[in-house]
Amino acid sequence: MTPHIRADLGQIAETILMPGDPMRAKWAAETFLETPELVNDIRGMLGYTGTWRGHRVTLHGSGMGMPSLSIYANELITVYGAKTLIRIGSTGAMQQHVKLRDIVLAQTASSISTPSVGVFKEINFAPCADFGLLSAAHAAAQTKASAVHVGGIYSSDVFYDQRPDLNKMMTDHGILAVEMEAAELYNLAARHGCRALAVLTVSDHLLTEEALPSEDRQTSFGDMVEIALEAAFT
């Protein structure tokens, strides 16, 4: 047990899928896992462990933003022995060719700062995905209906952005989409020798201002979860 996770040792799998929204963890566990068991509910952050095609896996929420994800990922790695962590979540498209409901596989994650800035100090560390997971996810995505894009994303510190100039700079440099967690996940995975990947579904578009209605978001995220599970166990 940790300050933020009440699970006993052994109740959390080595492979963990991490949506930001705890209710999405509940939905994904109940939809995709066999015999899911609630293993954490401290502060409303839900975690479930079950099996998928005979493989043991945990679905655990991360909360919004890199500081929140850093708390849960650190404890899952250092206390519970997580080896593979895959973020599954929504993202805002930053390129015209990336459409609503498309899948984005984050090869790299740029940021202004992360909770790891105090560790790296003057170094501009380049956080990136595990290539094995990335390759397996790309192969899995070819069998789904959703279009898939592989490339760099931007992990923002804020949701209500006041920097249109920065968004334009990201777009001009080919950044596919923006979210709020992946850069720190990749930092932590590198530090602790784990595998990490972000598999994201486009829910909003910064250029066209399109957005999925809230009722459509959950039903559009099934491909993302399946891709993450297939990548984890390939």
C-alpha atoms as a PDB file:
ATOM      1  CA  MET A   1       0.000   0.000   0.000  1.00  0.00           C
ATOM      2  CA  THR A   2       1.137   3.548  -0.778  1.00  0.00           C
ATOM      3  CA  PRO A   3      -0.304   6.982   0.093  1.00  0.00           C
ATOM      4  CA  HIS A   4      -2.299   6.912  -3.163  1.00  0.00           C
ATOM      5  CA  ILE A   5      -2.844   3.215  -3.969  1.00  0.00           C
ATOM      6  CA  ARG A   6      -4.439   0.805  -1.486  1.00  0.00           C
ATOM      7  CA  ALA A   7      -3.703  -2.398  -3.413  1.00  0.00           C
ATOM      8  CA  ASP A   8      -1.727  -5.119  -1.672  1.00  0.00           C
ATOM      9  CA  LEU A   9       1.490  -6.303  -3.253  1.00  0.00           C
ATOM     10  CA  GLY A  10       0.632  -8.821  -5.922  1.00  0.00           C
ATOM     11  CA  GLN A  11      -2.725  -7.240  -6.776  1.00  0.00           C
ATOM     12  CA  ILE A  12      -1.304  -5.075  -9.566  1.00  0.00           C
ATOM     13  CA  ALA A  13       0.025  -6.567 -12.808  1.00  0.00           C
ATOM     14  CA  GLU A  14       3.372  -5.789 -14.403  1.00  0.00           C
ATOM     15  CA  THR A  15       1.491  -4.420 -17.435  1.00  0.00           C
ATOM     16  CA  ILE A  16      -0.601  -1.317 -16.756  1.00  0.00           C
ATOM     17  CA  LEU A  17      -2.835   0.761 -19.021  1.00  0.00           C
ATOM     18  CA  MET A  18      -3.280   4.289 -17.679  1.00  0.00           C
ATOM     19  CA  PRO A  19      -6.180   6.499 -18.798  1.00  0.00           C
ATOM     20  CA  GLY A  20      -6.376   9.922 -17.234  1.00  0.00           C
ATOM     21  CA  ASP A  21     -10.035   9.537 -16.283  1.00  0.00           C
ATOM     22  CA  PRO A  22     -10.669   6.953 -13.536  1.00  0.00           C
ATOM     23  CA  MET A  23     -14.131   6.268 -14.951  1.00  0.00           C
ATOM     24  CA  ARG A  24     -12.502   5.380 -18.260  1.00  0.00           C
ATOM     25  CA  ALA A  25     -10.368   2.870 -16.356  1.00  0.00           C
ATOM     26  CA  LYS A  26     -13.581   1.363 -14.984  1.00  0.00           C
ATOM     27  CA  TRP A  27     -15.219   1.283 -18.427  1.00  0.00           C
ATOM     28  CA  ALA A  28     -12.174  -0.272 -20.115  1.00  0.00           C
ATOM     29  CA  ALA A  29     -11.724  -2.873 -17.372  1.00  0.00           C
ATOM     30  CA  GLU A  30     -15.365  -3.909 -17.501  1.00  0.00           C
ATOM     31  CA  THR A  31     -15.390  -3.926 -21.309  1.00  0.00           C
ATOM     32  CA  PHE A  32     -12.093  -5.633 -22.147  1.00  0.00           C
ATOM     33  CA  LEU A  33     -10.898  -7.607 -19.112  1.00  0.00           C
ATOM     34  CA  GLU A  34     -12.045 -10.939 -17.764  1.00  0.00           C
ATOM     35  CA  THR A  35     -12.959 -10.966 -14.059  1.00  0.00           C
ATOM     36  CA  PRO A  36     -11.777  -7.399 -13.318  1.00  0.00           C
ATOM     37  CA  GLU A  37     -11.189  -6.743  -9.616  1.00  0.00           C
ATOM     38  CA  LEU A  38     -11.196  -3.275  -8.049  1.00  0.00           C
ATOM     39  CA  VAL A  39      -7.766  -2.863  -6.437  1.00  0.00           C
ATOM     40  CA  ASN A  40      -7.718   0.886  -5.772  1.00  0.00           C
ATOM     41  CA  ASP A  41     -10.236   3.633  -5.102  1.00  0.00           C
ATOM     42  CA  ILE A  42      -8.319   6.086  -2.903  1.00  0.00           C
ATOM     43  CA  ARG A  43      -9.364   9.683  -3.734  1.00  0.00           C
ATOM     44  CA  GLY A  44     -11.639   8.291  -6.420  1.00  0.00           C
ATOM     45  CA  MET A  45      -8.704   7.114  -8.552  1.00  0.00           C
ATOM     46  CA  LEU A  46      -9.871   3.712  -9.717  1.00  0.00           C
ATOM     47  CA  GLY A  47      -7.656   0.739 -10.539  1.00  0.00           C
ATOM     48  CA  TYR A  48      -8.733  -2.701 -11.741  1.00  0.00           C
ATOM     49  CA  THR A  49      -6.786  -5.894 -12.359  1.00  0.00           C
ATOM     50  CA  GLY A  50      -8.001  -8.717 -14.576  1.00  0.00           C
ATOM     51  CA  THR A  51      -6.928 -10.762 -17.558  1.00  0.00           C
ATOM     52  CA  TRP A  52      -7.021 -10.211 -21.299  1.00  0.00           C
ATOM     53  CA  ARG A  53      -6.585 -13.318 -23.467  1.00  0.00           C
ATOM     54  CA  GLY A  54      -4.943 -14.997 -20.500  1.00  0.00           C
ATOM     55  CA  HIS A  55      -2.560 -12.107 -19.781  1.00  0.00           C
ATOM     56  CA  ARG A  56      -2.740 -10.311 -16.462  1.00  0.00           C
ATOM     57  CA  VAL A  57      -3.209  -6.551 -16.806  1.00  0.00           C
ATOM     58  CA  THR A  58      -4.156  -3.573 -14.643  1.00  0.00           C
ATOM     59  CA  LEU A  59      -6.212  -0.542 -15.716  1.00  0.00           C
ATOM     60  CA  HIS A  60      -5.385   2.392 -13.446  1.00  0.00           C
ATOM     61  CA  GLY A  61      -6.274   6.066 -13.734  1.00  0.00           C
ATOM     62  CA  SER A  62      -3.517   8.681 -13.747  1.00  0.00           C
ATOM     63  CA  GLY A  63      -5.494  11.885 -13.258  1.00  0.00           C
ATOM     64  CA  MET A  64      -4.991  14.990 -15.375  1.00  0.00           C
ATOM     65  CA  GLY A  65      -1.555  16.448 -15.994  1.00  0.00           C
ATOM     66  CA  MET A  66       2.024  15.319 -15.519  1.00  0.00           C
ATOM     67  CA  PRO A  67       2.249  15.941 -11.747  1.00  0.00           C
ATOM     68  CA  SER A  68      -0.695  13.603 -11.118  1.00  0.00           C
ATOM     69  CA  LEU A  69       0.565  10.936 -13.509  1.00  0.00           C
ATOM     70  CA  SER A  70       4.014  11.166 -11.934  1.00  0.00           C
ATOM     71  CA  ILE A  71       2.632  10.238  -8.505  1.00  0.00           C
ATOM     72  CA  TYR A  72       0.826   7.130  -9.740  1.00  0.00           C
ATOM     73  CA  ALA A  73       3.477   5.972 -12.214  1.00  0.00           C
ATOM     74  CA  ASN A  74       6.240   6.355  -9.610  1.00  0.00           C
ATOM     75  CA  GLU A  75       4.335   4.259  -7.077  1.00  0.00           C
ATOM     76  CA  LEU A  76       3.269   1.656  -9.634  1.00  0.00           C
ATOM     77  CA  ILE A  77       6.880   1.229 -10.771  1.00  0.00           C
ATOM     78  CA  THR A  78       8.838   1.475  -7.537  1.00  0.00           C
ATOM     79  CA  VAL A  79       6.413  -0.246  -5.144  1.00  0.00           C
ATOM     80  CA  TYR A  80       4.301  -2.552  -7.317  1.00  0.00           C
ATOM     81  CA  GLY A  81       6.895  -3.561  -9.910  1.00  0.00           C
ATOM     82  CA  ALA A  82       5.231  -2.258 -13.079  1.00  0.00           C
ATOM     83  CA  LYS A  83       7.322  -3.008 -16.178  1.00  0.00           C
ATOM     84  CA  THR A  84       5.097  -1.837 -19.046  1.00  0.00           C
ATOM     85  CA  LEU A  85       2.990   1.323 -18.813  1.00  0.00           C
ATOM     86  CA  ILE A  86       0.782   2.473 -21.669  1.00  0.00           C
ATOM     87  CA  ARG A  87      -1.110   5.741 -21.509  1.00  0.00           C
ATOM     88  CA  ILE A  88      -4.511   5.564 -23.202  1.00  0.00           C
ATOM     89  CA  GLY A  89      -6.324   8.848 -23.532  1.00  0.00           C
ATOM     90  CA  SER A  90      -7.689  11.667 -25.614  1.00  0.00           C
ATOM     91  CA  THR A  91      -5.678  14.219 -27.558  1.00  0.00           C
ATOM     92  CA  GLY A  92      -6.181  17.381 -29.572  1.00  0.00           C
ATOM     93  CA  ALA A  93      -5.036  17.255 -33.194  1.00  0.00           C
ATOM     94  CA  MET A  94      -2.546  19.888 -34.410  1.00  0.00           C
ATOM     95  CA  GLN A  95      -2.277  18.890 -38.084  1.00  0.00           C
ATOM     96  CA  GLN A  96      -4.906  19.132 -40.835  1.00  0.00           C
ATOM     97  CA  HIS A  97      -4.443  15.506 -41.922  1.00  0.00           C
ATOM     98  CA  VAL A  98      -5.146  14.208 -38.418  1.00  0.00           C
ATOM     99  CA  LYS A  99      -8.904  13.785 -37.986  1.00  0.00           C
ATOM    100  CA  LEU A 100     -11.359  13.215 -35.160  1.00  0.00           C
ATOM    101  CA  ARG A 101     -11.360   9.574 -33.933  1.00  0.00           C
ATOM    102  CA  ASP A 102      -7.917   8.918 -35.488  1.00  0.00           C
ATOM    103  CA  ILE A 103      -5.293   7.127 -33.404  1.00  0.00           C
ATOM    104  CA  VAL A 104      -1.987   8.851 -32.576  1.00  0.00           C
ATOM    105  CA  LEU A 105       1.007   6.783 -31.422  1.00  0.00           C
ATOM    106  CA  ALA A 106       3.412   9.122 -29.647  1.00  0.00           C
ATOM    107  CA  GLN A 107       6.957   8.411 -30.822  1.00  0.00           C
ATOM    108  CA  THR A 108       8.277  11.420 -28.873  1.00  0.00           C
ATOM    109  CA  ALA A 109       6.759  13.874 -26.406  1.00  0.00           C
ATOM    110  CA  SER A 110       7.911  17.505 -26.342  1.00  0.00           C
ATOM    111  CA  SER A 111       7.173  19.783 -23.381  1.00  0.00           C
ATOM    112  CA  ILE A 112       8.022  23.119 -21.791  1.00  0.00           C
ATOM    113  CA  SER A 113       8.631  21.417 -18.458  1.00  0.00           C
ATOM    114  CA  THR A 114       7.831  18.210 -16.581  1.00  0.00           C
ATOM    115  CA  PRO A 115       8.079  17.108 -12.944  1.00  0.00           C
ATOM    116  CA  SER A 116      11.490  15.694 -13.948  1.00  0.00           C
ATOM    117  CA  VAL A 117      12.968  19.123 -14.699  1.00  0.00           C
ATOM    118  CA  GLY A 118      14.716  19.136 -11.322  1.00  0.00           C
ATOM    119  CA  VAL A 119      16.450  15.865 -12.199  1.00  0.00           C
ATOM    120  CA  PHE A 120      17.624  16.887 -15.664  1.00  0.00           C
ATOM    121  CA  LYS A 121      18.564  20.477 -14.712  1.00  0.00           C
ATOM    122  CA  GLU A 122      20.223  22.041 -17.787  1.00  0.00           C
ATOM    123  CA  ILE A 123      19.767  18.939 -19.984  1.00  0.00           C
ATOM    124  CA  ASN A 124      16.998  18.989 -22.600  1.00  0.00           C
ATOM    125  CA  PHE A 125      16.257  15.266 -22.319  1.00  0.00           C
ATOM    126  CA  ALA A 126      14.333  13.834 -25.299  1.00  0.00           C
ATOM    127  CA  PRO A 127      11.656  11.460 -23.930  1.00  0.00           C
ATOM    128  CA  CYS A 128      10.523   8.813 -26.389  1.00  0.00           C
ATOM    129  CA  ALA A 129       8.413   5.662 -26.580  1.00  0.00           C
ATOM    130  CA  ASP A 130       9.703   2.124 -26.319  1.00  0.00           C
ATOM    131  CA  PHE A 131      10.310   1.051 -29.915  1.00  0.00           C
ATOM    132  CA  GLY A 132       9.047  -2.492 -29.399  1.00  0.00           C
ATOM    133  CA  LEU A 133       5.729  -1.229 -28.054  1.00  0.00           C
ATOM    134  CA  LEU A 134       5.517   1.428 -30.760  1.00  0.00           C
ATOM    135  CA  SER A 135       6.162  -1.087 -33.530  1.00  0.00           C
ATOM    136  CA  ALA A 136       3.662  -3.590 -32.118  1.00  0.00           C
ATOM    137  CA  ALA A 137       1.027  -0.885 -31.660  1.00  0.00           C
ATOM    138  CA  HIS A 138       1.471   0.287 -35.237  1.00  0.00           C
ATOM    139  CA  ALA A 139       1.024  -3.281 -36.495  1.00  0.00           C
ATOM    140  CA  ALA A 140      -2.078  -3.738 -34.342  1.00  0.00           C
ATOM    141  CA  ALA A 141      -3.535  -0.454 -35.572  1.00  0.00           C
ATOM    142  CA  GLN A 142      -3.459  -1.668 -39.168  1.00  0.00           C
ATOM    143  CA  THR A 143      -6.302  -4.083 -38.341  1.00  0.00           C
ATOM    144  CA  LYS A 144      -8.596  -1.382 -36.914  1.00  0.00           C
ATOM    145  CA  ALA A 145     -11.047   0.955 -38.589  1.00  0.00           C
ATOM    146  CA  SER A 146      -9.403   4.090 -37.182  1.00  0.00           C
ATOM    147  CA  ALA A 147      -6.638   5.813 -39.151  1.00  0.00           C
ATOM    148  CA  VAL A 148      -3.287   5.799 -37.323  1.00  0.00           C
ATOM    149  CA  HIS A 149      -0.484   8.395 -37.175  1.00  0.00           C
ATOM    150  CA  VAL A 150       3.000   7.956 -35.678  1.00  0.00           C
ATOM    151  CA  GLY A 151       5.136  10.916 -34.658  1.00  0.00           C
ATOM    152  CA  GLY A 152       5.815  13.610 -32.091  1.00  0.00           C
ATOM    153  CA  ILE A 153       3.250  14.999 -29.693  1.00  0.00           C
ATOM    154  CA  TYR A 154       3.295  17.906 -27.237  1.00  0.00           C
ATOM    155  CA  SER A 155       2.628  17.381 -23.518  1.00  0.00           C
ATOM    156  CA  SER A 156       1.260  20.662 -22.197  1.00  0.00           C
ATOM    157  CA  ASP A 157       1.355  21.934 -18.612  1.00  0.00           C
ATOM    158  CA  VAL A 158      -2.058  23.558 -18.987  1.00  0.00           C
ATOM    159  CA  PHE A 159      -5.484  22.727 -20.396  1.00  0.00           C
ATOM    160  CA  TYR A 160      -6.660  26.300 -21.020  1.00  0.00           C
ATOM    161  CA  ASP A 161      -3.770  27.436 -23.170  1.00  0.00           C
ATOM    162  CA  GLN A 162      -2.836  31.121 -23.513  1.00  0.00           C
ATOM    163  CA  ARG A 163       0.005  30.579 -26.003  1.00  0.00           C
ATOM    164  CA  PRO A 164      -1.291  30.503 -29.595  1.00  0.00           C
ATOM    165  CA  ASP A 165       2.257  31.296 -30.714  1.00  0.00           C
ATOM    166  CA  LEU A 166       3.513  28.097 -29.084  1.00  0.00           C
ATOM    167  CA  ASN A 167       0.741  26.033 -30.666  1.00  0.00           C
ATOM    168  CA  LYS A 168       1.710  27.423 -34.067  1.00  0.00           C
ATOM    169  CA  MET A 169       5.363  26.566 -33.435  1.00  0.00           C
ATOM    170  CA  MET A 170       4.395  22.986 -32.565  1.00  0.00           C
ATOM    171  CA  THR A 171       2.244  22.732 -35.694  1.00  0.00           C
ATOM    172  CA  ASP A 172       5.000  24.208 -37.868  1.00  0.00           C
ATOM    173  CA  HIS A 173       7.389  21.535 -36.576  1.00  0.00           C
ATOM    174  CA  GLY A 174       5.087  18.641 -37.408  1.00  0.00           C
ATOM    175  CA  ILE A 175       3.757  17.892 -33.920  1.00  0.00           C
ATOM    176  CA  LEU A 176       0.687  15.719 -34.419  1.00  0.00           C
ATOM    177  CA  ALA A 177      -1.319  16.438 -31.297  1.00  0.00           C
ATOM    178  CA  VAL A 178      -1.347  17.815 -27.760  1.00  0.00           C
ATOM    179  CA  GLU A 179      -2.150  16.142 -24.430  1.00  0.00           C
ATOM    180  CA  MET A 180      -0.934  16.531 -20.836  1.00  0.00           C
ATOM    181  CA  GLU A 181       0.816  13.385 -19.552  1.00  0.00           C
ATOM    182  CA  ALA A 182       3.016  11.411 -21.944  1.00  0.00           C
ATOM    183  CA  ALA A 183       6.317  13.304 -21.588  1.00  0.00           C
ATOM    184  CA  GLU A 184       6.613  12.561 -17.871  1.00  0.00           C
ATOM    185  CA  LEU A 185       5.557   8.940 -18.392  1.00  0.00           C
ATOM    186  CA  TYR A 186       8.384   8.531 -20.907  1.00  0.00           C
ATOM    187  CA  ASN A 187      10.828  10.224 -18.518  1.00  0.00           C
ATOM    188  CA  LEU A 188       9.936   7.858 -15.678  1.00  0.00           C
ATOM    189  CA  ALA A 189      10.094   4.792 -17.895  1.00  0.00           C
ATOM    190  CA  ALA A 190      13.587   5.746 -19.057  1.00  0.00           C
ATOM    191  CA  ARG A 191      14.737   6.379 -15.476  1.00  0.00           C
ATOM    192  CA  HIS A 192      13.470   3.045 -14.161  1.00  0.00           C
ATOM    193  CA  GLY A 193      14.158   0.823 -17.170  1.00  0.00           C
ATOM    194  CA  CYS A 194      10.489   0.274 -18.055  1.00  0.00           C
ATOM    195  CA  ARG A 195       8.618   0.217 -21.353  1.00  0.00           C
ATOM    196  CA  ALA A 196       6.208   3.058 -22.092  1.00  0.00           C
ATOM    197  CA  LEU A 197       3.938   4.218 -24.896  1.00  0.00           C
ATOM    198  CA  ALA A 198       1.064   6.657 -25.358  1.00  0.00           C
ATOM    199  CA  VAL A 199      -1.814   5.476 -27.546  1.00  0.00           C
ATOM    200  CA  LEU A 200      -4.200   8.381 -28.051  1.00  0.00           C
ATOM    201  CA  THR A 201      -7.578   9.015 -29.676  1.00  0.00           C
ATOM    202  CA  VAL A 202      -8.252  12.394 -31.286  1.00  0.00           C
ATOM    203  CA  SER A 203     -11.211  13.951 -29.509  1.00  0.00           C
ATOM    204  CA  ASP A 204     -10.648  17.602 -30.471  1.00  0.00           C
ATOM    205  CA  HIS A 205      -8.979  19.566 -33.263  1.00  0.00           C
ATOM    206  CA  LEU A 206      -7.072  22.766 -32.515  1.00  0.00           C
ATOM    207  CA  LEU A 207      -7.135  23.963 -36.133  1.00  0.00           C
ATOM    208  CA  THR A 208     -10.713  23.189 -37.156  1.00  0.00           C
ATOM    209  CA  GLU A 209     -12.192  23.549 -33.643  1.00  0.00           C
ATOM    210  CA  GLU A 210     -14.111  20.306 -34.112  1.00  0.00           C
ATOM    211  CA  ALA A 211     -14.774  18.162 -31.052  1.00  0.00           C
ATOM    212  CA  LEU A 212     -16.413  14.839 -30.327  1.00  0.00           C
ATOM    213  CA  PRO A 213     -19.599  15.120 -28.263  1.00  0.00           C
ATOM    214  CA  SER A 214     -19.085  13.741 -24.764  1.00  0.00           C
ATOM    215  CA  GLU A 215     -21.408  10.799 -25.426  1.00  0.00           C
ATOM    216  CA  ASP A 216     -19.327   9.783 -28.471  1.00  0.00           C
ATOM    217  CA  ARG A 217     -15.934   9.873 -26.763  1.00  0.00           C
ATOM    218  CA  GLN A 218     -16.186   6.666 -24.791  1.00  0.00           C
ATOM    219  CA  THR A 219     -17.599   4.619 -27.663  1.00  0.00           C
ATOM    220  CA  SER A 220     -14.863   5.928 -29.984  1.00  0.00           C
ATOM    221  CA  PHE A 221     -12.035   4.786 -27.705  1.00  0.00           C
ATOM    222  CA  GLY A 222     -12.389   1.024 -28.131  1.00  0.00           C
ATOM    223  CA  ASP A 223      -9.782   0.784 -30.895  1.00  0.00           C
ATOM    224  CA  MET A 224      -7.260   2.615 -28.706  1.00  0.00           C
ATOM    225  CA  VAL A 225      -7.673   0.155 -25.829  1.00  0.00           C
ATOM    226  CA  GLU A 226      -7.417  -2.881 -28.099  1.00  0.00           C
ATOM    227  CA  ILE A 227      -4.288  -1.508 -29.787  1.00  0.00           C
ATOM    228  CA  ALA A 228      -2.658  -0.916 -26.400  1.00  0.00           C
ATOM    229  CA  LEU A 229      -3.491  -4.423 -25.171  1.00  0.00           C
ATOM    230  CA  GLU A 230      -2.279  -6.087 -28.363  1.00  0.00           C
ATOM    231  CA  ALA A 231       0.950  -4.062 -28.293  1.00  0.00           C
ATOM    232  CA  ALA A 232       1.625  -4.929 -24.664  1.00  0.00           C
ATOM    233  CA  PHE A 233       1.425  -8.676 -25.222  1.00  0.00           C
ATOM    234  CA  THR A 234       2.853  -9.102 -28.722  1.00  0.00           C
END
